[in-house]
Amino acid sequence: MTRRNTTARLTALEAQSPEKSDPWNIHAGCQSLGLEAPEPYPGETTQEWLPRVPFASLEALVAWGDANGRL
């Protein structure tokens, strides 16, 4: 999966369920899975925050979501 595809999937999640795609919620998900992700800045949107998150973390989060029917 490419960064573009992964980001597109998370962007689609944002459109479908804004409360789940809040950068703080995604950050909490990364933290609960032990994935590296910087804290979002105050007022930072998901689109502004995603490029700062390591691709490996986003990829692992999407894979976990797929395996658990969450994304």
N, C-alpha and C. Protein backbone atom coordinates (compact mmCIF):
# COMPACT_ATOMS: atom_id res chain seq x y z
N MET A 1 0.84 -1.17 0.00
CA MET A 1 0.00 0.00 0.00
C MET A 1 0.90 1.24 0.00
N THR A 2 0.53 2.23 -0.76
CA THR A 2 1.33 3.45 -0.82
C THR A 2 0.82 4.46 0.20
N ARG A 3 1.67 5.44 0.48
CA ARG A 3 1.25 6.51 1.41
C ARG A 3 0.00 7.20 0.87
N ARG A 4 -0.04 7.41 -0.44
CA ARG A 4 -1.20 8.09 -1.04
C ARG A 4 -2.47 7.28 -0.80
N ASN A 5 -2.41 5.96 -1.02
CA ASN A 5 -3.59 5.10 -0.80
C ASN A 5 -4.00 5.09 0.67
N THR A 6 -3.02 4.99 1.54
CA THR A 6 -3.30 4.96 2.97
C THR A 6 -3.92 6.28 3.41
N THR A 7 -3.34 7.39 2.98
CA THR A 7 -3.88 8.70 3.32
C THR A 7 -5.28 8.88 2.74
N ALA A 8 -5.50 8.38 1.53
CA ALA A 8 -6.82 8.48 0.91
C ALA A 8 -7.85 7.70 1.73
N ARG A 9 -7.48 6.55 2.25
CA ARG A 9 -8.42 5.77 3.07
C ARG A 9 -8.75 6.49 4.37
N LEU A 10 -7.75 7.11 4.97
CA LEU A 10 -8.01 7.84 6.20
C LEU A 10 -8.81 9.12 5.93
N THR A 11 -8.60 9.72 4.76
CA THR A 11 -9.38 10.89 4.36
C THR A 11 -10.83 10.50 4.12
N ALA A 12 -11.05 9.34 3.51
CA ALA A 12 -12.41 8.85 3.29
C ALA A 12 -13.10 8.60 4.63
N LEU A 13 -12.36 8.08 5.59
CA LEU A 13 -12.90 7.87 6.93
C LEU A 13 -13.34 9.21 7.52
N GLU A 14 -12.55 10.24 7.28
CA GLU A 14 -12.87 11.57 7.79
C GLU A 14 -14.21 12.05 7.24
N ALA A 15 -14.45 11.80 5.95
CA ALA A 15 -15.70 12.22 5.32
C ALA A 15 -16.89 11.43 5.86
N GLN A 16 -16.69 10.16 6.16
CA GLN A 16 -17.77 9.29 6.63
C GLN A 16 -18.06 9.47 8.12
N SER A 17 -17.03 9.71 8.88
CA SER A 17 -17.19 9.74 10.33
C SER A 17 -16.20 10.73 10.94
N PRO A 18 -16.52 12.03 10.88
CA PRO A 18 -15.57 13.04 11.36
C PRO A 18 -15.07 12.83 12.78
N GLU A 19 -15.92 12.33 13.67
CA GLU A 19 -15.47 12.15 15.06
C GLU A 19 -14.41 11.06 15.18
N LYS A 20 -14.47 10.03 14.34
CA LYS A 20 -13.47 8.96 14.38
C LYS A 20 -12.17 9.37 13.71
N SER A 21 -12.25 10.33 12.79
CA SER A 21 -11.06 10.70 12.04
C SER A 21 -10.36 11.93 12.61
N ASP A 22 -10.82 12.41 13.75
CA ASP A 22 -10.14 13.51 14.41
C ASP A 22 -8.68 13.10 14.64
N PRO A 23 -7.71 13.99 14.39
CA PRO A 23 -6.32 13.57 14.55
C PRO A 23 -6.00 13.06 15.96
N TRP A 24 -6.69 13.59 16.97
CA TRP A 24 -6.44 13.11 18.33
C TRP A 24 -6.94 11.68 18.51
N ASN A 25 -8.04 11.33 17.86
CA ASN A 25 -8.54 9.95 17.94
C ASN A 25 -7.62 8.99 17.20
N ILE A 26 -7.14 9.40 16.03
CA ILE A 26 -6.20 8.56 15.28
C ILE A 26 -4.91 8.41 16.07
N HIS A 27 -4.45 9.50 16.67
CA HIS A 27 -3.23 9.46 17.49
C HIS A 27 -3.41 8.48 18.64
N ALA A 28 -4.57 8.53 19.30
CA ALA A 28 -4.84 7.61 20.41
C ALA A 28 -4.82 6.16 19.93
N GLY A 29 -5.37 5.92 18.73
CA GLY A 29 -5.34 4.58 18.17
C GLY A 29 -3.92 4.11 17.92
N CYS A 30 -3.10 5.00 17.39
CA CYS A 30 -1.68 4.65 17.16
C CYS A 30 -1.00 4.33 18.48
N GLN A 31 -1.24 5.16 19.48
CA GLN A 31 -0.61 4.95 20.79
C GLN A 31 -1.05 3.63 21.41
N SER A 32 -2.33 3.30 21.28
CA SER A 32 -2.82 2.05 21.88
C SER A 32 -2.23 0.82 21.22
N LEU A 33 -1.81 0.98 19.96
CA LEU A 33 -1.19 -0.14 19.24
C LEU A 33 0.34 -0.09 19.31
N GLY A 34 0.87 0.90 20.02
CA GLY A 34 2.32 1.04 20.15
C GLY A 34 2.98 1.58 18.90
N LEU A 35 2.23 2.33 18.10
CA LEU A 35 2.75 2.89 16.86
C LEU A 35 3.25 4.31 17.08
N GLU A 36 4.33 4.65 16.41
CA GLU A 36 4.90 5.99 16.52
C GLU A 36 4.01 6.99 15.79
N ALA A 37 3.66 8.06 16.47
CA ALA A 37 2.88 9.15 15.87
C ALA A 37 3.04 10.39 16.73
N PRO A 38 3.35 11.53 16.11
CA PRO A 38 3.47 12.75 16.90
C PRO A 38 2.10 13.23 17.36
N GLU A 39 2.07 13.91 18.49
CA GLU A 39 0.80 14.50 18.93
C GLU A 39 0.39 15.58 17.93
N PRO A 40 -0.90 15.66 17.63
CA PRO A 40 -1.36 16.75 16.78
C PRO A 40 -1.16 18.08 17.51
N TYR A 41 -0.91 19.12 16.74
CA TYR A 41 -0.84 20.46 17.31
C TYR A 41 -2.26 20.95 17.60
N PRO A 42 -2.43 21.83 18.57
CA PRO A 42 -3.77 22.38 18.83
C PRO A 42 -4.35 23.00 17.55
N GLY A 43 -5.55 22.61 17.21
CA GLY A 43 -6.23 23.14 16.03
C GLY A 43 -5.80 22.52 14.72
N GLU A 44 -4.85 21.59 14.75
CA GLU A 44 -4.37 20.95 13.52
C GLU A 44 -5.43 20.00 12.99
N THR A 45 -5.67 20.08 11.68
CA THR A 45 -6.64 19.18 11.06
C THR A 45 -5.97 17.84 10.75
N THR A 46 -6.80 16.87 10.46
CA THR A 46 -6.28 15.55 10.09
C THR A 46 -5.39 15.67 8.86
N GLN A 47 -5.82 16.44 7.88
CA GLN A 47 -5.04 16.60 6.65
C GLN A 47 -3.69 17.26 6.91
N GLU A 48 -3.62 18.15 7.87
CA GLU A 48 -2.35 18.79 8.22
C GLU A 48 -1.46 17.85 9.02
N TRP A 49 -2.06 17.00 9.82
CA TRP A 49 -1.31 16.12 10.71
C TRP A 49 -0.78 14.87 10.02
N LEU A 50 -1.57 14.26 9.13
CA LEU A 50 -1.18 12.99 8.51
C LEU A 50 0.21 12.99 7.88
N PRO A 51 0.63 14.04 7.17
CA PRO A 51 1.97 14.00 6.58
C PRO A 51 3.10 13.92 7.61
N ARG A 52 2.82 14.28 8.85
CA ARG A 52 3.85 14.20 9.90
C ARG A 52 3.94 12.82 10.54
N VAL A 53 2.97 11.96 10.27
CA VAL A 53 2.94 10.62 10.87
C VAL A 53 3.77 9.67 10.01
N PRO A 54 4.65 8.87 10.60
CA PRO A 54 5.43 7.91 9.81
C PRO A 54 4.50 6.98 9.02
N PHE A 55 4.87 6.76 7.76
CA PHE A 55 4.06 5.92 6.90
C PHE A 55 3.86 4.53 7.50
N ALA A 56 4.89 3.97 8.09
CA ALA A 56 4.77 2.63 8.67
C ALA A 56 3.67 2.59 9.73
N SER A 57 3.53 3.65 10.49
CA SER A 57 2.47 3.70 11.51
C SER A 57 1.10 3.76 10.87
N LEU A 58 0.94 4.60 9.85
CA LEU A 58 -0.35 4.69 9.16
C LEU A 58 -0.71 3.37 8.51
N GLU A 59 0.27 2.76 7.87
CA GLU A 59 0.05 1.48 7.20
C GLU A 59 -0.38 0.41 8.21
N ALA A 60 0.30 0.36 9.35
CA ALA A 60 -0.05 -0.62 10.39
C ALA A 60 -1.43 -0.34 10.96
N LEU A 61 -1.78 0.92 11.13
CA LEU A 61 -3.10 1.28 11.66
C LEU A 61 -4.20 0.85 10.69
N VAL A 62 -4.00 1.09 9.40
CA VAL A 62 -4.99 0.68 8.40
C VAL A 62 -5.08 -0.84 8.34
N ALA A 63 -3.95 -1.53 8.39
CA ALA A 63 -3.96 -3.00 8.37
C ALA A 63 -4.71 -3.54 9.59
N TRP A 64 -4.48 -2.95 10.77
CA TRP A 64 -5.19 -3.36 11.97
C TRP A 64 -6.69 -3.12 11.80
N GLY A 65 -7.04 -1.96 11.25
CA GLY A 65 -8.46 -1.65 11.02
C GLY A 65 -9.11 -2.63 10.07
N ASP A 66 -8.39 -3.00 9.01
CA ASP A 66 -8.92 -3.99 8.06
C ASP A 66 -9.14 -5.33 8.75
N ALA A 67 -8.16 -5.76 9.52
CA ALA A 67 -8.24 -7.06 10.18
C ALA A 67 -9.34 -7.12 11.24
N ASN A 68 -9.70 -5.96 11.77
CA ASN A 68 -10.69 -5.92 12.85
C ASN A 68 -12.00 -5.27 12.44
N GLY A 69 -12.17 -5.05 11.13
CA GLY A 69 -13.41 -4.46 10.63
C GLY A 69 -13.67 -3.06 11.12
N ARG A 70 -12.61 -2.29 11.31
CA ARG A 70 -12.75 -0.95 11.87
C ARG A 70 -12.64 0.16 10.83
N LEU A 71 -12.08 -0.14 9.65
CA LEU A 71 -11.94 0.91 8.62
C LEU A 71 -12.72 0.53 7.39
